[in-house]
Amino acid sequence: MSRVARLGAFIFVTLTILAAGVFVIGSKAYLFRSTYQLKTQFDNVAGLAEGAAVEVGGVHSGTVHGIALPHRPGEKVTVTIDLDKVTHEIIKQDSIASIETEGVLGNQYLAISFGSSGQADVRDGDVIQSKPPLELSELLMKTSNILDSSKRAIENATQATAHLNSVSAKIDAGQGSVGALINDRALFTNLQRSTSTLSETMVQAQAGVTDFHENMEALKHNFLLSGYFKRRGYQDTAELTNNEVERLPTGAPVKTFTYPPKQLFNSKDSAKIQNQKSLNDSGDYLASGQFGIAVVVVSGGSEGDTRKEMELSEARAMVIRDYLVEHFGFDDSHLKTLGLGKQLEATSEGGMGTIKIMIFPVGSEVPPIKQAPAGVASKVPADKGLEASETAGPRQ
């Protein structure tokens, strides 16, 4: 190969390497990609430098284009960011920029969070929100405070142990009531007898309470008092919350039936239904349609005793549920109640509250029953919707 050919090959290889380097460096700086700019502001950039990486969701997606100091005290440092166009779909108006550190002592970089789907898209040149960076000096100060608190806690524990040892020594020596009880056998025997007597008294008291409940149950069926329970519409207040949920399911109902209280009940303070057939439209819907869960929601009036209005709303919800379950063929485990009690903004005629049967779609959340532990919830399986039943009982 001639000298000229070797020189030409050398120059070609050199230019190729140079061009590749330019493209690699330019790719890192997003010189050859479609980009857009955003701005954010900080009180202190904590060592962030121009050219630093910008990560969106942990992925390198841009660089810091420039950092501008404020024109006067009290203003913030402005950071200009070049971002890849592909991030435009996930960065929204509520996205937040923060300065992070690679490791404990690594370089600073800028991280931008994803935005919410309901927020508007950012535009070229927009300013997004930021949160202050956590500086190493602040972290060391917080660590020092934690160590000081731990030291004081250990000192307090040491003092408490010393006091406990002193008390134990006095008890062993027979000092004080506890010491006398432990060291004097006769005193212990007398206390044991007193405890046994108290236990017998508690058993007798429990038996008396049981007798009282039995007597009350008998009075409910006495012909002199049975009329009172019939007018009230229910007998045992303990049954009012058997199927009551703590709240309504999340999401919108597919169907809502609303009834004026005067249409169903004969007085403001009664839970006895006087016009049961008014509920047939909602009963037909429950028996013939597919749904996940239905809730009988009853609120009390704006006047009266709060406790009584709560009991009345729970009772009305229970008797409405009992009627629908008894006269229409569907799985009663899908029908719940919710008594809201006294409502200051009751708008129904006569101030008697409101009555609604709210029906939610298949797959809706089933809220916790009031007797169940807090946080327990279940889902109605998507394939367990209520089918139309041919076993509906006769209507009244």
Protein backbone atom coordinates (compact mmCIF):
# COMPACT_ATOMS: atom_id res chain seq x y z
CA MET A 1 0.00 0.00 0.00
CA SER A 2 1.40 3.39 -0.96
CA ARG A 3 2.08 6.17 1.50
CA VAL A 4 -0.83 8.27 0.19
CA ALA A 5 -3.26 5.37 0.61
CA ARG A 6 -2.12 4.80 4.19
CA LEU A 7 -2.50 8.52 4.97
CA GLY A 8 -6.00 8.53 3.46
CA ALA A 9 -7.00 5.46 5.44
CA PHE A 10 -5.71 7.07 8.65
CA ILE A 11 -7.63 10.27 8.01
CA PHE A 12 -10.84 8.31 7.21
CA VAL A 13 -10.61 6.21 10.38
CA THR A 14 -9.87 9.32 12.46
CA LEU A 15 -12.86 11.19 11.05
CA THR A 16 -15.09 8.14 11.58
CA ILE A 17 -14.07 7.90 15.25
CA LEU A 18 -14.56 11.67 15.67
CA ALA A 19 -18.03 11.55 14.09
CA ALA A 20 -19.05 8.59 16.27
CA GLY A 21 -17.87 10.45 19.36
CA VAL A 22 -19.84 13.53 18.35
CA PHE A 23 -23.00 11.43 17.89
CA VAL A 24 -22.49 9.62 21.21
CA ILE A 25 -21.91 12.85 23.12
CA GLY A 26 -24.73 14.57 21.24
CA SER A 27 -27.09 11.70 22.04
CA LYS A 28 -26.31 12.08 25.75
CA ALA A 29 -27.03 15.82 25.47
CA TYR A 30 -30.11 15.20 23.28
CA LEU A 31 -28.63 17.27 20.41
CA PHE A 32 -29.99 14.97 17.72
CA ARG A 33 -33.43 14.26 19.23
CA SER A 34 -36.66 16.18 19.25
CA THR A 35 -36.84 17.94 22.62
CA TYR A 36 -38.80 20.57 24.50
CA GLN A 37 -37.91 22.78 27.44
CA LEU A 38 -39.38 23.12 30.93
CA LYS A 39 -38.35 25.28 33.84
CA THR A 40 -38.43 24.81 37.60
CA GLN A 41 -37.23 26.89 40.53
CA PHE A 42 -35.39 26.13 43.78
CA ASP A 43 -34.21 28.15 46.76
CA ASN A 44 -30.93 26.19 46.56
CA VAL A 45 -29.85 23.77 43.81
CA ALA A 46 -27.54 21.89 46.25
CA GLY A 47 -24.65 21.47 43.80
CA LEU A 48 -26.68 20.65 40.68
CA ALA A 49 -24.64 21.56 37.58
CA GLU A 50 -25.42 22.31 33.95
CA GLY A 51 -25.39 19.15 31.85
CA ALA A 52 -26.62 17.02 34.78
CA ALA A 53 -28.94 14.14 33.95
CA VAL A 54 -32.72 14.44 34.17
CA GLU A 55 -34.65 11.26 35.02
CA VAL A 56 -38.37 10.68 34.54
CA GLY A 57 -39.61 7.60 36.40
CA GLY A 58 -35.97 6.53 36.93
CA VAL A 59 -35.19 6.65 33.17
CA HIS A 60 -32.61 9.09 31.75
CA SER A 61 -34.81 11.38 29.65
CA GLY A 62 -33.07 14.76 29.42
CA THR A 63 -30.35 17.12 30.61
CA VAL A 64 -30.08 20.33 32.60
CA HIS A 65 -29.76 23.03 29.91
CA GLY A 66 -28.95 25.93 32.18
CA ILE A 67 -29.04 27.31 35.74
CA ALA A 68 -29.79 31.01 36.23
CA LEU A 69 -29.25 32.92 39.48
CA PRO A 70 -32.03 35.27 40.65
CA HIS A 71 -31.83 38.99 39.90
CA ARG A 72 -32.47 40.03 43.50
CA PRO A 73 -32.48 38.48 47.00
CA GLY A 74 -35.63 36.55 47.88
CA GLU A 75 -36.13 35.15 44.38
CA LYS A 76 -35.37 31.57 43.37
CA VAL A 77 -32.76 29.88 41.20
CA THR A 78 -34.25 28.93 37.80
CA VAL A 79 -33.28 25.60 36.24
CA THR A 80 -33.97 25.07 32.51
CA ILE A 81 -34.41 21.46 31.38
CA ASP A 82 -34.20 19.86 27.93
CA LEU A 83 -36.51 16.84 27.78
CA ASP A 84 -37.09 14.12 25.20
CA LYS A 85 -40.42 14.51 23.36
CA VAL A 86 -41.53 11.03 24.46
CA THR A 87 -41.91 12.32 28.04
CA HIS A 88 -44.54 14.83 26.96
CA GLU A 89 -47.29 12.22 27.48
CA ILE A 90 -46.46 11.51 31.14
CA ILE A 91 -45.29 14.89 32.46
CA LYS A 92 -48.32 16.98 33.39
CA GLN A 93 -49.01 20.31 35.09
CA ASP A 94 -48.89 18.68 38.55
CA SER A 95 -45.52 16.93 38.01
CA ILE A 96 -42.87 17.81 40.60
CA ALA A 97 -39.12 18.25 40.07
CA SER A 98 -36.68 17.31 42.82
CA ILE A 99 -32.89 17.24 43.17
CA GLU A 100 -31.61 13.77 44.04
CA THR A 101 -28.17 12.31 44.77
CA GLU A 102 -26.60 9.18 43.29
CA GLY A 103 -25.83 7.30 46.51
CA VAL A 104 -24.78 9.22 49.63
CA LEU A 105 -21.90 11.22 48.14
CA GLY A 106 -22.66 10.87 44.39
CA ASN A 107 -23.50 13.46 41.75
CA GLN A 108 -26.73 15.41 41.79
CA TYR A 109 -29.38 14.84 39.14
CA LEU A 110 -32.89 16.13 38.55
CA ALA A 111 -35.88 13.78 38.95
CA ILE A 112 -39.37 14.57 37.63
CA SER A 113 -42.45 12.68 38.82
CA PHE A 114 -45.28 11.41 36.63
CA GLY A 115 -48.32 13.66 36.43
CA SER A 116 -51.97 12.76 37.05
CA SER A 117 -54.04 11.54 34.11
CA GLY A 118 -56.66 14.24 34.64
CA GLN A 119 -54.18 17.12 34.50
CA ALA A 120 -53.38 19.21 31.42
CA ASP A 121 -50.26 18.60 29.34
CA VAL A 122 -47.24 20.85 29.84
CA ARG A 123 -46.21 23.20 27.06
CA ASP A 124 -42.77 24.22 25.89
CA GLY A 125 -41.37 26.75 28.38
CA ASP A 126 -43.81 25.97 31.23
CA VAL A 127 -42.66 26.19 34.85
CA ILE A 128 -43.40 23.06 36.92
CA GLN A 129 -43.45 22.73 40.70
CA SER A 130 -40.45 21.65 42.75
CA LYS A 131 -39.64 20.43 46.24
CA PRO A 132 -36.59 21.49 48.27
CA PRO A 133 -33.55 19.18 48.10
CA LEU A 134 -32.43 17.29 51.19
CA GLU A 135 -28.92 18.49 51.95
CA LEU A 136 -26.31 16.26 53.58
CA SER A 137 -25.78 18.75 56.40
CA GLU A 138 -29.49 18.61 57.32
CA LEU A 139 -29.39 14.81 57.21
CA LEU A 140 -26.38 14.73 59.55
CA MET A 141 -28.11 17.17 61.92
CA LYS A 142 -31.25 15.00 62.02
CA THR A 143 -29.11 11.93 62.67
CA SER A 144 -27.38 13.73 65.53
CA ASN A 145 -30.74 14.67 67.06
CA ILE A 146 -31.91 11.04 66.81
CA LEU A 147 -28.74 9.85 68.56
CA ASP A 148 -29.24 12.43 71.32
CA SER A 149 -32.85 11.27 71.80
CA SER A 150 -31.72 7.64 71.93
CA LYS A 151 -29.12 8.50 74.55
CA ARG A 152 -31.74 10.22 76.73
CA ALA A 153 -34.08 7.23 76.31
CA ILE A 154 -31.33 4.85 77.47
CA GLU A 155 -30.64 7.06 80.50
CA ASN A 156 -34.36 7.09 81.38
CA ALA A 157 -34.53 3.30 81.01
CA THR A 158 -31.52 2.96 83.32
CA GLN A 159 -33.21 5.14 85.95
CA ALA A 160 -36.45 3.19 85.63
CA THR A 161 -34.55 -0.08 86.11
CA ALA A 162 -32.94 1.31 89.24
CA HIS A 163 -36.33 2.33 90.64
CA LEU A 164 -37.76 -1.09 89.80
CA ASN A 165 -34.91 -2.80 91.64
CA SER A 166 -35.57 -0.59 94.67
CA VAL A 167 -39.29 -1.45 94.65
CA SER A 168 -38.53 -5.16 94.29
CA ALA A 169 -36.17 -5.02 97.26
CA LYS A 170 -38.86 -3.40 99.43
CA ILE A 171 -41.42 -6.02 98.38
CA ASP A 172 -39.00 -8.82 99.23
CA ALA A 173 -38.50 -7.21 102.64
CA GLY A 174 -42.27 -7.22 103.24
CA GLN A 175 -42.68 -3.44 103.12
CA GLY A 176 -45.93 -1.92 101.82
CA SER A 177 -49.27 -3.55 100.94
CA VAL A 178 -47.89 -5.68 98.11
CA GLY A 179 -44.99 -6.84 100.25
CA ALA A 180 -47.34 -7.78 103.08
CA LEU A 181 -49.64 -9.61 100.68
CA ILE A 182 -46.79 -11.67 99.26
CA ASN A 183 -45.06 -12.42 102.54
CA ASP A 184 -48.12 -12.82 104.81
CA ARG A 185 -49.92 -16.10 104.01
CA ALA A 186 -52.97 -15.31 106.15
CA LEU A 187 -53.58 -12.00 104.34
CA PHE A 188 -53.33 -13.76 100.99
CA THR A 189 -55.86 -16.41 102.09
CA ASN A 190 -58.38 -13.73 103.17
CA LEU A 191 -57.99 -11.88 99.88
CA GLN A 192 -58.52 -15.11 97.96
CA ARG A 193 -61.78 -15.73 99.87
CA SER A 194 -62.94 -12.18 99.11
CA THR A 195 -62.20 -12.71 95.42
CA SER A 196 -64.20 -15.94 95.41
CA THR A 197 -67.16 -14.16 97.03
CA LEU A 198 -66.99 -11.37 94.43
CA SER A 199 -66.94 -13.96 91.65
CA GLU A 200 -70.09 -15.60 93.00
CA THR A 201 -71.77 -12.19 93.18
CA MET A 202 -70.91 -11.51 89.53
CA VAL A 203 -72.40 -14.88 88.52
CA GLN A 204 -75.60 -14.03 90.36
CA ALA A 205 -75.72 -10.60 88.73
CA GLN A 206 -75.29 -12.16 85.29
CA ALA A 207 -78.14 -14.57 86.03
CA GLY A 208 -80.29 -11.63 87.06
CA VAL A 209 -79.55 -9.84 83.76
CA THR A 210 -80.49 -13.02 81.84
CA ASP A 211 -83.77 -13.24 83.76
CA PHE A 212 -84.47 -9.59 82.99
CA HIS A 213 -83.97 -10.16 79.23
CA GLU A 214 -86.26 -13.19 79.37
CA ASN A 215 -88.93 -11.19 81.18
CA MET A 216 -88.67 -8.39 78.62
CA GLU A 217 -89.03 -10.89 75.79
CA ALA A 218 -92.15 -12.28 77.45
CA LEU A 219 -93.59 -8.77 77.83
CA LYS A 220 -93.22 -8.22 74.09
CA HIS A 221 -95.72 -11.02 73.50
CA ASN A 222 -98.07 -9.98 76.30
CA PHE A 223 -101.40 -8.88 74.89
CA LEU A 224 -101.25 -5.65 76.96
CA LEU A 225 -97.93 -4.55 75.39
CA SER A 226 -97.89 -6.30 72.01
CA GLY A 227 -99.84 -3.44 70.47
CA TYR A 228 -97.01 -1.04 71.29
CA PHE A 229 -94.47 -3.14 69.37
CA LYS A 230 -96.87 -3.56 66.44
CA ARG A 231 -97.37 0.20 66.19
CA ARG A 232 -93.63 0.73 66.41
CA GLY A 233 -93.03 -1.71 63.55
CA TYR A 234 -90.27 -3.81 65.13
CA GLN A 235 -89.52 -5.59 68.41
CA ASP A 236 -85.82 -6.05 69.12
CA THR A 237 -83.45 -3.10 68.61
CA ALA A 238 -80.53 -5.54 68.58
CA GLU A 239 -81.68 -6.77 65.14
CA LEU A 240 -81.63 -3.32 63.50
CA THR A 241 -77.99 -3.51 62.42
CA ASN A 242 -77.77 -7.18 61.43
CA ASN A 243 -77.39 -6.25 57.75
CA GLU A 244 -76.27 -2.64 58.10
CA VAL A 245 -73.10 -1.49 56.35
CA GLU A 246 -70.80 1.25 57.58
CA ARG A 247 -71.03 3.28 54.36
CA LEU A 248 -72.20 3.20 50.76
CA PRO A 249 -70.15 1.34 48.12
CA THR A 250 -67.76 3.40 46.04
CA GLY A 251 -68.89 4.36 42.55
CA ALA A 252 -72.21 5.48 41.14
CA PRO A 253 -75.38 3.35 41.42
CA VAL A 254 -76.99 1.99 38.25
CA LYS A 255 -80.50 2.60 39.61
CA THR A 256 -82.00 4.55 42.52
CA PHE A 257 -85.59 4.31 43.80
CA THR A 258 -86.74 7.21 45.99
CA TYR A 259 -89.84 7.12 48.22
CA PRO A 260 -91.40 9.87 50.35
CA PRO A 261 -91.60 8.62 53.97
CA LYS A 262 -95.31 9.55 54.16
CA GLN A 263 -95.98 7.15 51.29
CA LEU A 264 -94.64 4.16 53.27
CA PHE A 265 -95.11 4.92 56.97
CA ASN A 266 -98.19 6.06 58.85
CA SER A 267 -96.48 8.50 61.25
CA LYS A 268 -93.25 10.39 61.82
CA ASP A 269 -92.06 8.11 64.64
CA SER A 270 -93.18 4.70 63.32
CA ALA A 271 -91.37 2.00 61.35
CA LYS A 272 -94.56 0.11 60.46
CA ILE A 273 -95.17 0.03 56.69
CA GLN A 274 -98.67 1.09 55.67
CA ASN A 275 -98.33 0.98 51.86
CA GLN A 276 -96.12 -2.01 51.06
CA LYS A 277 -97.08 -2.21 47.38
CA SER A 278 -95.27 1.07 46.76
CA LEU A 279 -92.06 -0.95 47.01
CA ASN A 280 -93.02 -3.38 44.25
CA ASP A 281 -91.20 -1.44 41.50
CA SER A 282 -87.87 -1.75 43.29
CA GLY A 283 -88.66 -5.37 44.23
CA ASP A 284 -89.33 -6.24 40.58
CA TYR A 285 -86.03 -4.67 39.57
CA LEU A 286 -84.11 -6.63 42.20
CA ALA A 287 -85.82 -9.89 41.22
CA SER A 288 -85.37 -9.54 37.46
CA GLY A 289 -82.11 -7.66 36.94
CA GLN A 290 -78.43 -8.37 37.50
CA PHE A 291 -76.71 -6.29 40.16
CA GLY A 292 -73.87 -6.55 42.66
CA ILE A 293 -75.22 -4.97 45.84
CA ALA A 294 -78.26 -2.90 46.81
CA VAL A 295 -78.53 -0.68 49.90
CA VAL A 296 -81.70 0.59 51.59
CA VAL A 297 -80.64 4.09 52.71
CA VAL A 298 -82.89 5.89 55.20
CA SER A 299 -82.25 9.26 56.84
CA GLY A 300 -84.16 10.81 59.72
CA GLY A 301 -85.75 14.21 59.94
CA SER A 302 -84.07 17.47 60.83
CA GLU A 303 -85.80 17.68 64.21
CA GLY A 304 -86.09 15.44 67.25
CA ASP A 305 -83.70 13.45 69.42
CA THR A 306 -80.53 12.35 67.60
CA ARG A 307 -80.45 8.87 69.15
CA LYS A 308 -84.13 8.20 68.45
CA GLU A 309 -83.83 9.42 64.83
CA MET A 310 -80.88 7.06 64.30
CA GLU A 311 -82.82 4.11 65.73
CA LEU A 312 -85.89 5.02 63.64
CA SER A 313 -83.90 5.28 60.38
CA GLU A 314 -82.22 1.89 61.05
CA ALA A 315 -85.60 0.33 61.86
CA ARG A 316 -87.25 1.65 58.69
CA ALA A 317 -84.36 0.37 56.57
CA MET A 318 -84.66 -3.05 58.25
CA VAL A 319 -88.43 -3.43 57.71
CA ILE A 320 -88.15 -2.33 54.06
CA ARG A 321 -85.40 -4.91 53.52
CA ASP A 322 -87.47 -7.61 55.28
CA TYR A 323 -90.44 -6.93 52.99
CA LEU A 324 -88.36 -7.05 49.80
CA VAL A 325 -86.55 -10.24 50.85
CA GLU A 326 -89.80 -11.97 51.86
CA HIS A 327 -91.84 -11.10 48.74
CA PHE A 328 -89.29 -11.09 45.89
CA GLY A 329 -86.98 -13.90 44.84
CA PHE A 330 -83.30 -12.84 45.03
CA ASP A 331 -80.22 -13.56 47.12
CA ASP A 332 -80.81 -11.55 50.33
CA SER A 333 -77.07 -11.40 51.07
CA HIS A 334 -76.85 -8.77 48.31
CA LEU A 335 -79.32 -6.41 50.02
CA LYS A 336 -77.95 -4.27 52.87
CA THR A 337 -79.21 -1.38 54.98
CA LEU A 338 -77.80 1.99 56.04
CA GLY A 339 -79.46 4.20 58.64
CA LEU A 340 -78.15 7.77 58.53
CA GLY A 341 -80.05 9.15 61.52
CA LYS A 342 -80.86 12.80 61.98
CA GLN A 343 -80.06 14.97 58.95
CA LEU A 344 -79.90 18.75 59.43
CA GLU A 345 -80.62 19.34 55.74
CA ALA A 346 -83.62 16.99 55.42
CA THR A 347 -85.65 18.19 52.43
CA SER A 348 -88.52 15.70 52.34
CA GLU A 349 -92.11 16.69 52.86
CA GLY A 350 -92.92 17.14 56.53
CA GLY A 351 -89.28 16.87 57.61
CA MET A 352 -89.49 13.06 57.89
CA GLY A 353 -86.19 12.40 56.11
CA THR A 354 -85.56 10.45 52.92
CA ILE A 355 -85.81 6.81 51.75
CA LYS A 356 -83.73 5.48 48.84
CA ILE A 357 -82.95 2.03 47.46
CA MET A 358 -79.61 2.40 45.68
CA ILE A 359 -78.56 -0.45 43.36
CA PHE A 360 -74.89 -0.87 42.36
CA PRO A 361 -73.46 -2.90 39.45
CA VAL A 362 -71.92 -6.37 39.54
CA GLY A 363 -68.39 -6.33 40.94
CA SER A 364 -69.04 -3.38 43.26
CA GLU A 365 -67.31 -3.27 46.61
CA VAL A 366 -69.30 -4.61 49.57
CA PRO A 367 -68.60 -2.22 52.48
CA PRO A 368 -67.91 -3.68 55.94
CA ILE A 369 -70.88 -4.69 58.09
CA LYS A 370 -71.08 -2.60 61.27
CA GLN A 371 -70.46 -5.65 63.50
CA ALA A 372 -67.43 -6.71 61.43
CA PRO A 373 -63.87 -5.54 62.29
CA ALA A 374 -62.84 -2.28 60.65
CA GLY A 375 -61.23 -2.63 57.20
CA VAL A 376 -62.84 -5.96 56.34
CA ALA A 377 -64.40 -5.77 52.87
CA SER A 378 -65.20 -8.14 50.10
CA LYS A 379 -65.99 -8.17 46.41
CA VAL A 380 -69.04 -9.64 44.76
CA PRO A 381 -67.60 -11.92 42.03
CA ALA A 382 -68.27 -10.70 38.51
CA ASP A 383 -70.00 -13.96 37.59
CA LYS A 384 -72.26 -14.01 40.62
CA GLY A 385 -74.85 -11.46 39.51
CA LEU A 386 -78.41 -12.01 40.54
CA GLU A 387 -80.38 -13.79 37.84
CA ALA A 388 -84.13 -13.37 37.40
CA SER A 389 -85.89 -15.72 39.74
CA GLU A 390 -89.02 -17.67 39.06
CA THR A 391 -89.61 -18.33 42.74
CA ALA A 392 -90.83 -14.88 43.78
CA GLY A 393 -93.44 -15.13 46.48
CA PRO A 394 -96.87 -13.54 46.27
CA ARG A 395 -97.13 -9.80 46.74
CA GLN A 396 -99.35 -8.14 49.23
